[in-house]
Amino acid sequence: MDGADKRALRRWLPVAVIVAAWAASLPLPALAVRGGPTLTGWEMLLQGWQGAGRGVYAWYANPLFAVAVVAAVANRPRAALVASGFSILLALTTFVAEDVLHRSMERVPELTLLVGFYVWVAALLAAFLSAWRTVYLQLRDNLRPRAGGRKSFHFWD
């Protein structure tokens, strides 16, 4: 395996593992509604966008995750970092979803987050950490000796 193949593997392997973790969250139970159904990740993916009308925006972490994956594949780690960071922020709003729903609805059943939710958040977090590591390594490599023996930092090099 030559150097180009190793670099491609280092870029693609983490993305593939992260996408596989995200996909693994889909068939798992993600949310239990007291007195109601237990929803899988698939069901949350297909129906979760409807929460925006009631002030619950966590579902929108999925399109941002997709943007982060595309950015990572396109070797745009800073864009992947920003998109994955915002996807995590949106996903974490799930923890206050019940309170938000109480403000917009008269009665809200108790919601319990299940394993599929946590696998989903772990995939989003892994995407962020992978992008952060890539950006960090690029920034570290940009510290080059300059005239006069000084090292300077150039973020956009």
N, C-alpha and C. Protein backbone atom coordinates (compact mmCIF):
# COMPACT_ATOMS: atom_id res chain seq x y z
N MET A 1 0.85 -1.17 0.00
CA MET A 1 0.00 0.00 0.00
C MET A 1 0.90 1.24 0.00
N ASP A 2 0.70 2.10 -0.99
CA ASP A 2 1.54 3.30 -1.06
C ASP A 2 0.95 4.43 -0.20
N GLY A 3 1.64 5.55 -0.17
CA GLY A 3 1.27 6.68 0.68
C GLY A 3 -0.11 7.24 0.38
N ALA A 4 -0.46 7.33 -0.91
CA ALA A 4 -1.77 7.87 -1.29
C ALA A 4 -2.89 6.96 -0.80
N ASP A 5 -2.67 5.65 -0.90
CA ASP A 5 -3.67 4.70 -0.43
C ASP A 5 -3.85 4.79 1.08
N LYS A 6 -2.77 4.97 1.80
CA LYS A 6 -2.85 5.09 3.25
C LYS A 6 -3.60 6.36 3.66
N ARG A 7 -3.33 7.45 2.95
CA ARG A 7 -4.03 8.71 3.26
C ARG A 7 -5.52 8.57 2.98
N ALA A 8 -5.86 7.92 1.87
CA ALA A 8 -7.28 7.72 1.54
C ALA A 8 -7.95 6.84 2.59
N LEU A 9 -7.27 5.80 3.02
CA LEU A 9 -7.83 4.92 4.04
C LEU A 9 -8.03 5.66 5.36
N ARG A 10 -7.07 6.50 5.73
CA ARG A 10 -7.19 7.29 6.96
C ARG A 10 -8.35 8.27 6.89
N ARG A 11 -8.70 8.73 5.71
CA ARG A 11 -9.81 9.66 5.57
C ARG A 11 -11.15 8.93 5.50
N TRP A 12 -11.19 7.81 4.78
CA TRP A 12 -12.45 7.11 4.55
C TRP A 12 -12.86 6.18 5.70
N LEU A 13 -11.92 5.53 6.34
CA LEU A 13 -12.26 4.56 7.37
C LEU A 13 -13.04 5.17 8.53
N PRO A 14 -12.59 6.29 9.11
CA PRO A 14 -13.39 6.88 10.19
C PRO A 14 -14.79 7.28 9.74
N VAL A 15 -14.90 7.81 8.53
CA VAL A 15 -16.21 8.21 8.01
C VAL A 15 -17.12 6.98 7.87
N ALA A 16 -16.57 5.90 7.35
CA ALA A 16 -17.36 4.68 7.19
C ALA A 16 -17.82 4.12 8.53
N VAL A 17 -16.95 4.12 9.51
CA VAL A 17 -17.31 3.62 10.84
C VAL A 17 -18.38 4.51 11.47
N ILE A 18 -18.24 5.81 11.33
CA ILE A 18 -19.21 6.75 11.90
C ILE A 18 -20.57 6.61 11.23
N VAL A 19 -20.59 6.50 9.92
CA VAL A 19 -21.86 6.31 9.21
C VAL A 19 -22.48 4.97 9.59
N ALA A 20 -21.66 3.94 9.77
CA ALA A 20 -22.17 2.64 10.20
C ALA A 20 -22.79 2.73 11.59
N ALA A 21 -22.18 3.48 12.49
CA ALA A 21 -22.74 3.66 13.84
C ALA A 21 -24.07 4.40 13.76
N TRP A 22 -24.13 5.44 12.93
CA TRP A 22 -25.38 6.17 12.76
C TRP A 22 -26.46 5.24 12.21
N ALA A 23 -26.11 4.46 11.20
CA ALA A 23 -27.07 3.52 10.60
C ALA A 23 -27.48 2.45 11.61
N ALA A 24 -26.56 2.04 12.47
CA ALA A 24 -26.89 1.03 13.49
C ALA A 24 -27.91 1.54 14.49
N SER A 25 -27.99 2.87 14.66
CA SER A 25 -28.97 3.42 15.60
C SER A 25 -30.39 3.34 15.06
N LEU A 26 -30.54 3.21 13.76
CA LEU A 26 -31.87 3.27 13.15
C LEU A 26 -32.81 2.13 13.55
N PRO A 27 -32.40 0.88 13.55
CA PRO A 27 -33.34 -0.17 13.93
C PRO A 27 -33.53 -0.32 15.45
N LEU A 28 -32.75 0.39 16.22
CA LEU A 28 -32.82 0.27 17.68
C LEU A 28 -33.94 1.12 18.25
N PRO A 29 -34.51 0.70 19.39
CA PRO A 29 -35.52 1.54 20.04
C PRO A 29 -34.86 2.84 20.51
N ALA A 30 -35.49 3.97 20.18
CA ALA A 30 -34.88 5.27 20.47
C ALA A 30 -35.67 6.08 21.50
N LEU A 31 -36.98 5.93 21.49
CA LEU A 31 -37.81 6.76 22.36
C LEU A 31 -39.05 5.98 22.77
N ALA A 32 -39.31 5.96 24.07
CA ALA A 32 -40.53 5.33 24.58
C ALA A 32 -41.45 6.43 25.06
N VAL A 33 -42.70 6.35 24.64
CA VAL A 33 -43.72 7.29 25.06
C VAL A 33 -44.59 6.57 26.08
N ARG A 34 -44.65 7.11 27.30
CA ARG A 34 -45.42 6.45 28.36
C ARG A 34 -46.89 6.34 27.93
N GLY A 35 -47.39 5.11 28.01
CA GLY A 35 -48.77 4.85 27.58
C GLY A 35 -48.92 4.81 26.08
N GLY A 36 -47.81 4.79 25.37
CA GLY A 36 -47.86 4.81 23.90
C GLY A 36 -46.80 3.91 23.32
N PRO A 37 -46.43 4.17 22.10
CA PRO A 37 -45.48 3.30 21.41
C PRO A 37 -44.03 3.55 21.82
N THR A 38 -43.20 2.58 21.47
CA THR A 38 -41.75 2.76 21.53
C THR A 38 -41.30 2.95 20.08
N LEU A 39 -40.63 4.06 19.82
CA LEU A 39 -40.24 4.41 18.46
C LEU A 39 -38.79 4.02 18.21
N THR A 40 -38.54 3.47 17.04
CA THR A 40 -37.17 3.14 16.63
C THR A 40 -36.52 4.37 16.02
N GLY A 41 -35.25 4.25 15.76
CA GLY A 41 -34.54 5.32 15.08
C GLY A 41 -35.12 5.61 13.71
N TRP A 42 -35.54 4.57 12.99
CA TRP A 42 -36.17 4.75 11.67
C TRP A 42 -37.40 5.63 11.80
N GLU A 43 -38.24 5.30 12.77
CA GLU A 43 -39.47 6.06 12.95
C GLU A 43 -39.18 7.50 13.33
N MET A 44 -38.16 7.68 14.16
CA MET A 44 -37.79 9.05 14.54
C MET A 44 -37.24 9.80 13.33
N LEU A 45 -36.47 9.12 12.50
CA LEU A 45 -35.91 9.75 11.30
C LEU A 45 -37.03 10.16 10.34
N LEU A 46 -38.03 9.30 10.18
CA LEU A 46 -39.11 9.57 9.24
C LEU A 46 -40.13 10.59 9.77
N GLN A 47 -40.31 10.65 11.09
CA GLN A 47 -41.36 11.49 11.65
C GLN A 47 -40.84 12.65 12.50
N GLY A 48 -39.58 12.63 12.86
CA GLY A 48 -39.05 13.61 13.80
C GLY A 48 -39.11 15.04 13.34
N TRP A 49 -39.11 15.27 12.04
CA TRP A 49 -39.17 16.64 11.51
C TRP A 49 -40.44 17.34 11.94
N GLN A 50 -41.48 16.58 12.27
CA GLN A 50 -42.76 17.16 12.67
C GLN A 50 -42.66 17.89 14.02
N GLY A 51 -41.63 17.59 14.80
CA GLY A 51 -41.45 18.25 16.08
C GLY A 51 -41.13 19.72 15.96
N ALA A 52 -40.64 20.16 14.81
CA ALA A 52 -40.28 21.57 14.63
C ALA A 52 -41.49 22.48 14.83
N GLY A 53 -42.65 22.02 14.49
CA GLY A 53 -43.86 22.82 14.68
C GLY A 53 -44.19 23.06 16.13
N ARG A 54 -43.59 22.25 17.00
CA ARG A 54 -43.83 22.39 18.44
C ARG A 54 -42.56 22.85 19.17
N GLY A 55 -41.56 23.26 18.43
CA GLY A 55 -40.36 23.80 19.04
C GLY A 55 -39.27 22.78 19.35
N VAL A 56 -39.39 21.57 18.82
CA VAL A 56 -38.38 20.52 19.02
C VAL A 56 -37.61 20.36 17.71
N TYR A 57 -36.34 20.74 17.75
CA TYR A 57 -35.54 20.81 16.52
C TYR A 57 -34.45 19.74 16.43
N ALA A 58 -34.46 18.78 17.32
CA ALA A 58 -33.38 17.79 17.37
C ALA A 58 -33.24 17.01 16.07
N TRP A 59 -34.33 16.76 15.37
CA TRP A 59 -34.29 15.99 14.13
C TRP A 59 -33.34 16.62 13.13
N TYR A 60 -33.22 17.95 13.14
CA TYR A 60 -32.40 18.64 12.16
C TYR A 60 -30.91 18.36 12.33
N ALA A 61 -30.56 17.64 13.37
CA ALA A 61 -29.18 17.18 13.51
C ALA A 61 -28.83 16.20 12.39
N ASN A 62 -29.82 15.49 11.88
CA ASN A 62 -29.56 14.50 10.82
C ASN A 62 -29.09 15.13 9.51
N PRO A 63 -29.76 16.16 8.98
CA PRO A 63 -29.23 16.78 7.77
C PRO A 63 -27.84 17.40 7.99
N LEU A 64 -27.62 17.96 9.18
CA LEU A 64 -26.29 18.51 9.45
C LEU A 64 -25.24 17.42 9.55
N PHE A 65 -25.63 16.27 10.08
CA PHE A 65 -24.72 15.12 10.10
C PHE A 65 -24.37 14.73 8.67
N ALA A 66 -25.37 14.70 7.79
CA ALA A 66 -25.12 14.36 6.38
C ALA A 66 -24.17 15.37 5.74
N VAL A 67 -24.36 16.65 6.05
CA VAL A 67 -23.45 17.69 5.53
C VAL A 67 -22.03 17.44 6.04
N ALA A 68 -21.91 17.09 7.32
CA ALA A 68 -20.60 16.82 7.90
C ALA A 68 -19.93 15.63 7.23
N VAL A 69 -20.70 14.59 6.93
CA VAL A 69 -20.14 13.41 6.26
C VAL A 69 -19.67 13.77 4.86
N VAL A 70 -20.49 14.50 4.13
CA VAL A 70 -20.10 14.91 2.77
C VAL A 70 -18.85 15.79 2.83
N ALA A 71 -18.81 16.70 3.79
CA ALA A 71 -17.64 17.58 3.93
C ALA A 71 -16.39 16.76 4.26
N ALA A 72 -16.52 15.77 5.12
CA ALA A 72 -15.37 14.93 5.47
C ALA A 72 -14.88 14.16 4.26
N VAL A 73 -15.80 13.61 3.48
CA VAL A 73 -15.43 12.86 2.28
C VAL A 73 -14.77 13.79 1.25
N ALA A 74 -15.24 15.03 1.19
CA ALA A 74 -14.69 16.00 0.25
C ALA A 74 -13.41 16.65 0.77
N ASN A 75 -12.90 16.14 1.88
CA ASN A 75 -11.68 16.67 2.50
C ASN A 75 -11.82 18.14 2.88
N ARG A 76 -12.96 18.46 3.48
CA ARG A 76 -13.25 19.80 4.00
C ARG A 76 -13.49 19.69 5.50
N PRO A 77 -12.43 19.42 6.27
CA PRO A 77 -12.61 19.12 7.70
C PRO A 77 -13.17 20.28 8.52
N ARG A 78 -12.86 21.51 8.13
CA ARG A 78 -13.42 22.64 8.90
C ARG A 78 -14.92 22.73 8.73
N ALA A 79 -15.40 22.50 7.52
CA ALA A 79 -16.85 22.47 7.28
C ALA A 79 -17.48 21.29 8.03
N ALA A 80 -16.80 20.16 8.03
CA ALA A 80 -17.30 18.99 8.77
C ALA A 80 -17.35 19.28 10.26
N LEU A 81 -16.36 19.99 10.77
CA LEU A 81 -16.32 20.34 12.18
C LEU A 81 -17.50 21.25 12.55
N VAL A 82 -17.75 22.25 11.75
CA VAL A 82 -18.85 23.18 12.04
C VAL A 82 -20.20 22.46 11.94
N ALA A 83 -20.40 21.71 10.87
CA ALA A 83 -21.69 21.01 10.68
C ALA A 83 -21.91 19.98 11.78
N SER A 84 -20.89 19.21 12.12
CA SER A 84 -21.06 18.19 13.15
C SER A 84 -21.24 18.83 14.53
N GLY A 85 -20.58 19.97 14.76
CA GLY A 85 -20.76 20.67 16.03
C GLY A 85 -22.19 21.15 16.20
N PHE A 86 -22.75 21.73 15.16
CA PHE A 86 -24.15 22.16 15.24
C PHE A 86 -25.10 20.97 15.31
N SER A 87 -24.74 19.85 14.67
CA SER A 87 -25.61 18.67 14.76
C SER A 87 -25.68 18.16 16.20
N ILE A 88 -24.56 18.20 16.90
CA ILE A 88 -24.56 17.77 18.31
C ILE A 88 -25.41 18.71 19.15
N LEU A 89 -25.25 20.01 18.93
CA LEU A 89 -26.05 20.97 19.69
C LEU A 89 -27.55 20.73 19.48
N LEU A 90 -27.94 20.50 18.24
CA LEU A 90 -29.35 20.22 17.97
C LEU A 90 -29.80 18.90 18.61
N ALA A 91 -28.95 17.88 18.51
CA ALA A 91 -29.30 16.59 19.09
C ALA A 91 -29.49 16.69 20.60
N LEU A 92 -28.65 17.48 21.25
CA LEU A 92 -28.73 17.60 22.70
C LEU A 92 -29.98 18.34 23.16
N THR A 93 -30.66 19.04 22.25
CA THR A 93 -31.92 19.67 22.64
C THR A 93 -32.99 18.63 22.94
N THR A 94 -32.74 17.39 22.58
CA THR A 94 -33.67 16.31 22.91
C THR A 94 -33.88 16.21 24.42
N PHE A 95 -32.83 16.53 25.18
CA PHE A 95 -32.94 16.42 26.63
C PHE A 95 -33.93 17.42 27.22
N VAL A 96 -34.26 18.48 26.50
CA VAL A 96 -35.25 19.44 26.98
C VAL A 96 -36.54 19.39 26.17
N ALA A 97 -36.66 18.41 25.29
CA ALA A 97 -37.83 18.32 24.41
C ALA A 97 -39.13 18.20 25.20
N GLU A 98 -39.11 17.42 26.26
CA GLU A 98 -40.33 17.25 27.05
C GLU A 98 -40.79 18.58 27.65
N ASP A 99 -39.84 19.36 28.16
CA ASP A 99 -40.18 20.67 28.72
C ASP A 99 -40.69 21.61 27.63
N VAL A 100 -40.08 21.58 26.48
CA VAL A 100 -40.52 22.42 25.36
C VAL A 100 -41.94 22.03 24.94
N LEU A 101 -42.19 20.74 24.88
CA LEU A 101 -43.53 20.28 24.50
C LEU A 101 -44.57 20.68 25.54
N HIS A 102 -44.20 20.70 26.80
CA HIS A 102 -45.14 21.13 27.84
C HIS A 102 -45.60 22.57 27.61
N ARG A 103 -44.73 23.40 27.06
CA ARG A 103 -45.09 24.79 26.80
C ARG A 103 -46.00 24.94 25.59
N SER A 104 -45.93 23.99 24.65
CA SER A 104 -46.72 24.14 23.43
C SER A 104 -47.94 23.22 23.38
N MET A 105 -48.05 22.32 24.33
CA MET A 105 -49.18 21.38 24.33
C MET A 105 -49.78 21.31 25.73
N GLU A 106 -51.04 20.94 25.77
CA GLU A 106 -51.72 20.85 27.06
C GLU A 106 -51.24 19.65 27.86
N ARG A 107 -51.22 18.48 27.22
CA ARG A 107 -50.78 17.27 27.92
C ARG A 107 -49.67 16.61 27.12
N VAL A 108 -48.63 16.24 27.84
CA VAL A 108 -47.49 15.60 27.20
C VAL A 108 -47.16 14.34 27.99
N PRO A 109 -47.13 13.18 27.33
CA PRO A 109 -46.76 11.96 28.05
C PRO A 109 -45.27 11.97 28.40
N GLU A 110 -44.91 11.19 29.37
CA GLU A 110 -43.50 11.07 29.76
C GLU A 110 -42.72 10.40 28.63
N LEU A 111 -41.57 10.96 28.32
CA LEU A 111 -40.71 10.42 27.26
C LEU A 111 -39.47 9.82 27.89
N THR A 112 -39.07 8.65 27.39
CA THR A 112 -37.86 7.99 27.87
C THR A 112 -36.93 7.74 26.69
N LEU A 113 -35.71 8.23 26.80
CA LEU A 113 -34.71 8.02 25.75
C LEU A 113 -34.11 6.63 25.90
N LEU A 114 -33.99 5.93 24.79
CA LEU A 114 -33.51 4.55 24.81
C LEU A 114 -32.19 4.42 24.05
N VAL A 115 -31.70 3.20 23.95
CA VAL A 115 -30.36 2.92 23.43
C VAL A 115 -30.14 3.49 22.02
N GLY A 116 -31.13 3.45 21.16
CA GLY A 116 -30.97 3.98 19.81
C GLY A 116 -30.64 5.45 19.81
N PHE A 117 -31.24 6.19 20.74
CA PHE A 117 -30.92 7.62 20.85
C PHE A 117 -29.46 7.81 21.21
N TYR A 118 -28.98 7.05 22.17
CA TYR A 118 -27.60 7.22 22.63
C TYR A 118 -26.58 6.78 21.58
N VAL A 119 -26.91 5.76 20.81
CA VAL A 119 -26.02 5.35 19.71
C VAL A 119 -25.99 6.46 18.65
N TRP A 120 -27.15 7.05 18.39
CA TRP A 120 -27.24 8.16 17.44
C TRP A 120 -26.37 9.33 17.88
N VAL A 121 -26.49 9.73 19.14
CA VAL A 121 -25.69 10.84 19.67
C VAL A 121 -24.20 10.47 19.63
N ALA A 122 -23.88 9.22 19.94
CA ALA A 122 -22.47 8.79 19.89
C ALA A 122 -21.91 8.92 18.48
N ALA A 123 -22.70 8.59 17.46
CA ALA A 123 -22.25 8.74 16.07
C ALA A 123 -22.01 10.21 15.73
N LEU A 124 -22.91 11.07 16.18
CA LEU A 124 -22.74 12.51 15.93
C LEU A 124 -21.49 13.03 16.64
N LEU A 125 -21.29 12.58 17.87
CA LEU A 125 -20.11 13.00 18.63
C LEU A 125 -18.83 12.48 17.97
N ALA A 126 -18.86 11.24 17.48
CA ALA A 126 -17.70 10.68 16.79
C ALA A 126 -17.37 11.49 15.53
N ALA A 127 -18.40 11.94 14.81
CA ALA A 127 -18.17 12.77 13.62
C ALA A 127 -17.48 14.07 14.02
N PHE A 128 -17.94 14.67 15.10
CA PHE A 128 -17.34 15.91 15.58
C PHE A 128 -15.88 15.69 15.99
N LEU A 129 -15.64 14.64 16.77
CA LEU A 129 -14.28 14.37 17.25
C LEU A 129 -13.33 14.04 16.10
N SER A 130 -13.82 13.32 15.11
CA SER A 130 -13.00 13.00 13.95
C SER A 130 -12.64 14.27 13.18
N ALA A 131 -13.62 15.14 12.98
CA ALA A 131 -13.34 16.39 12.27
C ALA A 131 -12.41 17.28 13.10
N TRP A 132 -12.64 17.32 14.41
CA TRP A 132 -11.77 18.12 15.28
C TRP A 132 -10.33 17.63 15.20
N ARG A 133 -10.13 16.32 15.22
CA ARG A 133 -8.78 15.76 15.14
C ARG A 133 -8.12 16.13 13.81
N THR A 134 -8.87 16.03 12.73
CA THR A 134 -8.31 16.36 11.42
C THR A 134 -7.91 17.83 11.35
N VAL A 135 -8.79 18.70 11.84
CA VAL A 135 -8.48 20.14 11.83
C VAL A 135 -7.27 20.41 12.73
N TYR A 136 -7.24 19.80 13.89
CA TYR A 136 -6.11 19.98 14.81
C TYR A 136 -4.80 19.58 14.15
N LEU A 137 -4.79 18.42 13.50
CA LEU A 137 -3.56 17.96 12.84
C LEU A 137 -3.15 18.89 11.71
N GLN A 138 -4.12 19.40 10.97
CA GLN A 138 -3.78 20.35 9.91
C GLN A 138 -3.20 21.64 10.49
N LEU A 139 -3.80 22.11 11.55
CA LEU A 139 -3.30 23.34 12.18
C LEU A 139 -1.90 23.13 12.75
N ARG A 140 -1.70 21.99 13.37
CA ARG A 140 -0.38 21.67 13.92
C ARG A 140 0.67 21.64 12.81
N ASP A 141 0.31 21.05 11.68
CA ASP A 141 1.25 20.97 10.57
C ASP A 141 1.51 22.32 9.92
N ASN A 142 0.62 23.29 10.15
CA ASN A 142 0.81 24.63 9.60
C ASN A 142 1.79 25.46 10.40
N LEU A 143 2.24 24.96 11.53
CA LEU A 143 3.26 25.68 12.30
C LEU A 143 4.62 25.37 11.67
N ARG A 144 5.01 26.21 10.77
CA ARG A 144 6.25 25.98 10.03
C ARG A 144 7.28 27.03 10.40
N PRO A 145 8.53 26.67 10.32
CA PRO A 145 9.56 27.69 10.55
C PRO A 145 9.46 28.78 9.49
N ARG A 146 9.54 30.02 9.91
CA ARG A 146 9.49 31.16 8.99
C ARG A 146 10.83 31.90 9.06
N ALA A 147 10.91 32.98 8.34
CA ALA A 147 12.14 33.79 8.32
C ALA A 147 12.51 34.18 9.74
N GLY A 148 13.77 34.10 10.07
CA GLY A 148 14.24 34.46 11.40
C GLY A 148 14.10 33.32 12.40
N GLY A 149 13.74 32.11 11.91
CA GLY A 149 13.64 30.96 12.80
C GLY A 149 12.36 30.91 13.62
N ARG A 150 11.46 31.90 13.43
CA ARG A 150 10.21 31.90 14.19
C ARG A 150 9.20 30.98 13.53
N LYS A 151 8.32 30.46 14.34
CA LYS A 151 7.20 29.70 13.80
C LYS A 151 5.97 30.58 13.86
N SER A 152 5.21 30.54 12.81
CA SER A 152 3.98 31.32 12.79
C SER A 152 2.80 30.41 12.49
N PHE A 153 1.66 30.86 12.88
CA PHE A 153 0.46 30.07 12.76
C PHE A 153 -0.42 30.65 11.66
N HIS A 154 -0.80 29.84 10.68
CA HIS A 154 -1.65 30.29 9.58
C HIS A 154 -2.83 29.34 9.48
N PHE A 155 -3.96 29.77 10.02
CA PHE A 155 -5.15 28.93 10.09
C PHE A 155 -5.63 28.49 8.71
N TRP A 156 -5.59 29.38 7.74
CA TRP A 156 -6.20 29.07 6.45
C TRP A 156 -5.23 28.54 5.41
N ASP A 157 -3.99 28.23 5.80
CA ASP A 157 -3.03 27.67 4.84
C ASP A 157 -3.50 26.34 4.32
